[in-house]
Amino acid sequence: EKHPIFHFLGSLAENQISNKGAKALARSLLVNRSLMVLDMRSNSIGPTGAKALADALKKNQILLSLK
């Protein structure tokens, strides 16, 4: 079964994403092969969620824009 390819995921801004959500998204970014734009402005991500995202972005070479 083929999975859909997303180059742009609709805005995740203002969705009350917490550390738990940020960590889940970070795990997804580790295997991302298509998503190029992600908007996560104005969420509730704390230091641990931000670190998980930062660590994932060090390995992700596909994502071009993160807001």
PDB file of N, CA and C in Angstrom:
ATOM      1  N   GLU A   1       0.845  -1.182   0.000  1.00  0.00           N
ATOM      2  CA  GLU A   1       0.000   0.000   0.000  1.00  0.00           C
ATOM      3  C   GLU A   1       0.883   1.235   0.000  1.00  0.00           C
ATOM      4  N   LYS A   2       0.600   2.148  -0.914  1.00  0.00           N
ATOM      5  CA  LYS A   2       1.360   3.394  -0.981  1.00  0.00           C
ATOM      6  C   LYS A   2       0.821   4.399   0.018  1.00  0.00           C
ATOM      7  N   HIS A   3       1.739   5.143   0.595  1.00  0.00           N
ATOM      8  CA  HIS A   3       1.354   6.202   1.516  1.00  0.00           C
ATOM      9  C   HIS A   3       1.330   7.518   0.757  1.00  0.00           C
ATOM     10  N   PRO A   4       0.423   8.419   1.131  1.00  0.00           N
ATOM     11  CA  PRO A   4       0.383   9.710   0.442  1.00  0.00           C
ATOM     12  C   PRO A   4       1.667  10.492   0.689  1.00  0.00           C
ATOM     13  N   ILE A   5       2.038  11.273  -0.281  1.00  0.00           N
ATOM     14  CA  ILE A   5       3.223  12.122  -0.147  1.00  0.00           C
ATOM     15  C   ILE A   5       2.755  13.543   0.122  1.00  0.00           C
ATOM     16  N   PHE A   6       3.183  14.091   1.253  1.00  0.00           N
ATOM     17  CA  PHE A   6       2.839  15.454   1.618  1.00  0.00           C
ATOM     18  C   PHE A   6       4.078  16.318   1.486  1.00  0.00           C
ATOM     19  N   HIS A   7       3.979  17.359   0.666  1.00  0.00           N
ATOM     20  CA  HIS A   7       5.073  18.324   0.593  1.00  0.00           C
ATOM     21  C   HIS A   7       4.801  19.473   1.556  1.00  0.00           C
ATOM     22  N   PHE A   8       3.518  19.734   1.780  1.00  0.00           N
ATOM     23  CA  PHE A   8       3.121  20.802   2.703  1.00  0.00           C
ATOM     24  C   PHE A   8       1.993  20.260   3.563  1.00  0.00           C
ATOM     25  N   LEU A   9       2.200  20.238   4.841  1.00  0.00           N
ATOM     26  CA  LEU A   9       1.166  19.829   5.780  1.00  0.00           C
ATOM     27  C   LEU A   9       0.463  21.098   6.214  1.00  0.00           C
ATOM     28  N   GLY A  10      -0.851  21.141   6.076  1.00  0.00           N
ATOM     29  CA  GLY A  10      -1.584  22.326   6.505  1.00  0.00           C
ATOM     30  C   GLY A  10      -1.072  22.825   7.839  1.00  0.00           C
ATOM     31  N   SER A  11      -1.309  24.021   8.144  1.00  0.00           N
ATOM     32  CA  SER A  11      -0.766  24.638   9.342  1.00  0.00           C
ATOM     33  C   SER A  11      -1.132  23.877  10.613  1.00  0.00           C
ATOM     34  N   LEU A  12      -0.138  23.659  11.452  1.00  0.00           N
ATOM     35  CA  LEU A  12      -0.358  23.106  12.789  1.00  0.00           C
ATOM     36  C   LEU A  12      -0.275  24.216  13.830  1.00  0.00           C
ATOM     37  N   ALA A  13      -0.303  25.452  13.366  1.00  0.00           N
ATOM     38  CA  ALA A  13      -0.231  26.605  14.271  1.00  0.00           C
ATOM     39  C   ALA A  13      -1.470  26.655  15.150  1.00  0.00           C
ATOM     40  N   GLU A  14      -1.266  27.100  16.372  1.00  0.00           N
ATOM     41  CA  GLU A  14      -2.347  27.309  17.336  1.00  0.00           C
ATOM     42  C   GLU A  14      -3.198  26.057  17.558  1.00  0.00           C
ATOM     43  N   ASN A  15      -2.545  24.914  17.734  1.00  0.00           N
ATOM     44  CA  ASN A  15      -3.249  23.652  17.960  1.00  0.00           C
ATOM     45  C   ASN A  15      -2.971  23.062  19.335  1.00  0.00           C
ATOM     46  N   GLN A  16      -2.405  23.857  20.227  1.00  0.00           N
ATOM     47  CA  GLN A  16      -2.106  23.415  21.589  1.00  0.00           C
ATOM     48  C   GLN A  16      -1.230  22.163  21.608  1.00  0.00           C
ATOM     49  N   ILE A  17      -0.308  22.069  20.665  1.00  0.00           N
ATOM     50  CA  ILE A  17       0.634  20.945  20.637  1.00  0.00           C
ATOM     51  C   ILE A  17       1.569  21.090  21.825  1.00  0.00           C
ATOM     52  N   SER A  18       1.681  20.017  22.599  1.00  0.00           N
ATOM     53  CA  SER A  18       2.501  20.025  23.814  1.00  0.00           C
ATOM     54  C   SER A  18       3.831  19.321  23.548  1.00  0.00           C
ATOM     55  N   ASN A  19       4.596  19.105  24.617  1.00  0.00           N
ATOM     56  CA  ASN A  19       5.847  18.351  24.487  1.00  0.00           C
ATOM     57  C   ASN A  19       5.591  16.961  23.914  1.00  0.00           C
ATOM     58  N   LYS A  20       4.527  16.319  24.378  1.00  0.00           N
ATOM     59  CA  LYS A  20       4.199  14.965  23.896  1.00  0.00           C
ATOM     60  C   LYS A  20       3.949  14.975  22.385  1.00  0.00           C
ATOM     61  N   GLY A  21       3.181  15.945  21.908  1.00  0.00           N
ATOM     62  CA  GLY A  21       2.910  16.056  20.477  1.00  0.00           C
ATOM     63  C   GLY A  21       4.158  16.399  19.687  1.00  0.00           C
ATOM     64  N   ALA A  22       4.991  17.267  20.247  1.00  0.00           N
ATOM     65  CA  ALA A  22       6.230  17.652  19.574  1.00  0.00           C
ATOM     66  C   ALA A  22       7.169  16.459  19.451  1.00  0.00           C
ATOM     67  N   LYS A  23       7.221  15.635  20.490  1.00  0.00           N
ATOM     68  CA  LYS A  23       8.079  14.440  20.438  1.00  0.00           C
ATOM     69  C   LYS A  23       7.571  13.454  19.390  1.00  0.00           C
ATOM     70  N   ALA A  24       6.258  13.304  19.294  1.00  0.00           N
ATOM     71  CA  ALA A  24       5.687  12.416  18.271  1.00  0.00           C
ATOM     72  C   ALA A  24       5.998  12.946  16.876  1.00  0.00           C
ATOM     73  N   LEU A  25       5.875  14.243  16.701  1.00  0.00           N
ATOM     74  CA  LEU A  25       6.195  14.846  15.410  1.00  0.00           C
ATOM     75  C   LEU A  25       7.678  14.702  15.102  1.00  0.00           C
ATOM     76  N   ALA A  26       8.513  14.827  16.114  1.00  0.00           N
ATOM     77  CA  ALA A  26       9.960  14.666  15.922  1.00  0.00           C
ATOM     78  C   ALA A  26      10.274  13.261  15.416  1.00  0.00           C
ATOM     79  N   ARG A  27       9.607  12.259  15.962  1.00  0.00           N
ATOM     80  CA  ARG A  27       9.820  10.883  15.491  1.00  0.00           C
ATOM     81  C   ARG A  27       9.430  10.756  14.019  1.00  0.00           C
ATOM     82  N   SER A  28       8.366  11.437  13.633  1.00  0.00           N
ATOM     83  CA  SER A  28       7.935  11.415  12.234  1.00  0.00           C
ATOM     84  C   SER A  28       8.952  12.110  11.339  1.00  0.00           C
ATOM     85  N   LEU A  29       9.526  13.195  11.832  1.00  0.00           N
ATOM     86  CA  LEU A  29      10.513  13.917  11.025  1.00  0.00           C
ATOM     87  C   LEU A  29      11.767  13.086  10.782  1.00  0.00           C
ATOM     88  N   LEU A  30      12.048  12.150  11.668  1.00  0.00           N
ATOM     89  CA  LEU A  30      13.226  11.291  11.480  1.00  0.00           C
ATOM     90  C   LEU A  30      13.092  10.393  10.259  1.00  0.00           C
ATOM     91  N   VAL A  31      11.869  10.061   9.892  1.00  0.00           N
ATOM     92  CA  VAL A  31      11.651   9.183   8.733  1.00  0.00           C
ATOM     93  C   VAL A  31      11.022   9.932   7.560  1.00  0.00           C
ATOM     94  N   ASN A  32      10.861  11.239   7.699  1.00  0.00           N
ATOM     95  CA  ASN A  32      10.258  12.060   6.650  1.00  0.00           C
ATOM     96  C   ASN A  32      11.078  11.986   5.366  1.00  0.00           C
ATOM     97  N   ARG A  33      10.375  11.742   4.269  1.00  0.00           N
ATOM     98  CA  ARG A  33      11.034  11.722   2.960  1.00  0.00           C
ATOM     99  C   ARG A  33      10.366  12.676   1.976  1.00  0.00           C
ATOM    100  N   SER A  34       9.370  13.456   2.437  1.00  0.00           N
ATOM    101  CA  SER A  34       8.665  14.309   1.488  1.00  0.00           C
ATOM    102  C   SER A  34       8.214  15.664   2.039  1.00  0.00           C
ATOM    103  N   LEU A  35       7.921  15.769   3.322  1.00  0.00           N
ATOM    104  CA  LEU A  35       7.395  17.018   3.875  1.00  0.00           C
ATOM    105  C   LEU A  35       8.457  18.109   3.836  1.00  0.00           C
ATOM    106  N   MET A  36       8.132  19.223   3.180  1.00  0.00           N
ATOM    107  CA  MET A  36       9.102  20.288   3.008  1.00  0.00           C
ATOM    108  C   MET A  36       8.756  21.555   3.774  1.00  0.00           C
ATOM    109  N   VAL A  37       7.490  21.734   4.174  1.00  0.00           N
ATOM    110  CA  VAL A  37       7.043  22.945   4.853  1.00  0.00           C
ATOM    111  C   VAL A  37       6.185  22.552   6.048  1.00  0.00           C
ATOM    112  N   LEU A  38       6.487  23.126   7.207  1.00  0.00           N
ATOM    113  CA  LEU A  38       5.732  22.829   8.415  1.00  0.00           C
ATOM    114  C   LEU A  38       5.586  24.102   9.243  1.00  0.00           C
ATOM    115  N   ASP A  39       4.351  24.439   9.605  1.00  0.00           N
ATOM    116  CA  ASP A  39       4.060  25.632  10.411  1.00  0.00           C
ATOM    117  C   ASP A  39       3.539  25.174  11.762  1.00  0.00           C
ATOM    118  N   MET A  40       4.310  25.442  12.814  1.00  0.00           N
ATOM    119  CA  MET A  40       3.935  25.032  14.169  1.00  0.00           C
ATOM    120  C   MET A  40       3.901  26.214  15.129  1.00  0.00           C
ATOM    121  N   ARG A  41       3.670  27.406  14.612  1.00  0.00           N
ATOM    122  CA  ARG A  41       3.678  28.603  15.454  1.00  0.00           C
ATOM    123  C   ARG A  41       2.579  28.562  16.516  1.00  0.00           C
ATOM    124  N   SER A  42       2.850  29.227  17.624  1.00  0.00           N
ATOM    125  CA  SER A  42       1.885  29.464  18.705  1.00  0.00           C
ATOM    126  C   SER A  42       1.299  28.172  19.278  1.00  0.00           C
ATOM    127  N   ASN A  43       2.155  27.260  19.694  1.00  0.00           N
ATOM    128  CA  ASN A  43       1.739  26.048  20.373  1.00  0.00           C
ATOM    129  C   ASN A  43       2.272  26.069  21.797  1.00  0.00           C
ATOM    130  N   SER A  44       2.119  24.981  22.505  1.00  0.00           N
ATOM    131  CA  SER A  44       2.540  24.897  23.913  1.00  0.00           C
ATOM    132  C   SER A  44       3.743  23.974  24.075  1.00  0.00           C
ATOM    133  N   ILE A  45       4.682  24.091  23.174  1.00  0.00           N
ATOM    134  CA  ILE A  45       5.859  23.221  23.189  1.00  0.00           C
ATOM    135  C   ILE A  45       6.886  23.797  24.161  1.00  0.00           C
ATOM    136  N   GLY A  46       7.299  22.964  25.113  1.00  0.00           N
ATOM    137  CA  GLY A  46       8.287  23.372  26.096  1.00  0.00           C
ATOM    138  C   GLY A  46       9.688  22.952  25.689  1.00  0.00           C
ATOM    139  N   PRO A  47      10.645  23.070  26.594  1.00  0.00           N
ATOM    140  CA  PRO A  47      12.045  22.756  26.290  1.00  0.00           C
ATOM    141  C   PRO A  47      12.285  21.324  25.825  1.00  0.00           C
ATOM    142  N   THR A  48      11.621  20.345  26.416  1.00  0.00           N
ATOM    143  CA  THR A  48      11.889  18.956  26.005  1.00  0.00           C
ATOM    144  C   THR A  48      11.328  18.673  24.616  1.00  0.00           C
ATOM    145  N   GLY A  49      10.173  19.242  24.307  1.00  0.00           N
ATOM    146  CA  GLY A  49       9.616  19.077  22.968  1.00  0.00           C
ATOM    147  C   GLY A  49      10.456  19.785  21.930  1.00  0.00           C
ATOM    148  N   ALA A  50      10.932  20.981  22.270  1.00  0.00           N
ATOM    149  CA  ALA A  50      11.786  21.742  21.352  1.00  0.00           C
ATOM    150  C   ALA A  50      13.097  21.012  21.089  1.00  0.00           C
ATOM    151  N   LYS A  51      13.661  20.398  22.123  1.00  0.00           N
ATOM    152  CA  LYS A  51      14.906  19.653  21.940  1.00  0.00           C
ATOM    153  C   LYS A  51      14.692  18.442  21.041  1.00  0.00           C
ATOM    154  N   ALA A  52      13.569  17.745  21.221  1.00  0.00           N
ATOM    155  CA  ALA A  52      13.268  16.586  20.371  1.00  0.00           C
ATOM    156  C   ALA A  52      13.155  17.014  18.909  1.00  0.00           C
ATOM    157  N   LEU A  53      12.476  18.134  18.670  1.00  0.00           N
ATOM    158  CA  LEU A  53      12.356  18.638  17.298  1.00  0.00           C
ATOM    159  C   LEU A  53      13.717  19.047  16.744  1.00  0.00           C
ATOM    160  N   ALA A  54      14.509  19.740  17.554  1.00  0.00           N
ATOM    161  CA  ALA A  54      15.835  20.183  17.102  1.00  0.00           C
ATOM    162  C   ALA A  54      16.722  18.991  16.749  1.00  0.00           C
ATOM    163  N   ASP A  55      16.686  17.954  17.579  1.00  0.00           N
ATOM    164  CA  ASP A  55      17.493  16.765  17.311  1.00  0.00           C
ATOM    165  C   ASP A  55      17.048  16.077  16.020  1.00  0.00           C
ATOM    166  N   ALA A  56      15.728  16.025  15.797  1.00  0.00           N
ATOM    167  CA  ALA A  56      15.215  15.402  14.575  1.00  0.00           C
ATOM    168  C   ALA A  56      15.613  16.212  13.347  1.00  0.00           C
ATOM    169  N   LEU A  57      15.581  17.531  13.473  1.00  0.00           N
ATOM    170  CA  LEU A  57      15.918  18.383  12.332  1.00  0.00           C
ATOM    171  C   LEU A  57      17.394  18.303  11.957  1.00  0.00           C
ATOM    172  N   LYS A  58      18.237  17.910  12.888  1.00  0.00           N
ATOM    173  CA  LYS A  58      19.654  17.722  12.566  1.00  0.00           C
ATOM    174  C   LYS A  58      19.833  16.593  11.564  1.00  0.00           C
ATOM    175  N   LYS A  59      18.896  15.631  11.596  1.00  0.00           N
ATOM    176  CA  LYS A  59      18.994  14.460  10.716  1.00  0.00           C
ATOM    177  C   LYS A  59      18.103  14.569   9.491  1.00  0.00           C
ATOM    178  N   ASN A  60      17.081  15.416   9.548  1.00  0.00           N
ATOM    179  CA  ASN A  60      16.141  15.561   8.449  1.00  0.00           C
ATOM    180  C   ASN A  60      16.705  16.536   7.426  1.00  0.00           C
ATOM    181  N   GLN A  61      16.854  16.078   6.197  1.00  0.00           N
ATOM    182  CA  GLN A  61      17.393  16.950   5.152  1.00  0.00           C
ATOM    183  C   GLN A  61      16.360  17.304   4.112  1.00  0.00           C
ATOM    184  N   ILE A  62      15.104  16.990   4.370  1.00  0.00           N
ATOM    185  CA  ILE A  62      14.024  17.259   3.418  1.00  0.00           C
ATOM    186  C   ILE A  62      13.276  18.546   3.772  1.00  0.00           C
ATOM    187  N   LEU A  63      12.991  18.734   5.068  1.00  0.00           N
ATOM    188  CA  LEU A  63      12.222  19.892   5.500  1.00  0.00           C
ATOM    189  C   LEU A  63      12.991  21.169   5.222  1.00  0.00           C
ATOM    190  N   LEU A  64      12.368  22.083   4.470  1.00  0.00           N
ATOM    191  CA  LEU A  64      13.033  23.330   4.098  1.00  0.00           C
ATOM    192  C   LEU A  64      12.565  24.527   4.907  1.00  0.00           C
ATOM    193  N   SER A  65      11.342  24.462   5.432  1.00  0.00           N
ATOM    194  CA  SER A  65      10.784  25.592   6.154  1.00  0.00           C
ATOM    195  C   SER A  65      10.034  25.113   7.387  1.00  0.00           C
ATOM    196  N   LEU A  66      10.414  25.646   8.545  1.00  0.00           N
ATOM    197  CA  LEU A  66       9.727  25.371   9.797  1.00  0.00           C
ATOM    198  C   LEU A  66       9.452  26.694  10.470  1.00  0.00           C
ATOM    199  N   LYS A  67       8.183  26.960  10.710  1.00  0.00           N
ATOM    200  CA  LYS A  67       7.801  28.202  11.387  1.00  0.00           C
ATOM    201  C   LYS A  67       7.289  27.853  12.756  1.00  0.00           C
TER     202      LYS A  67
END
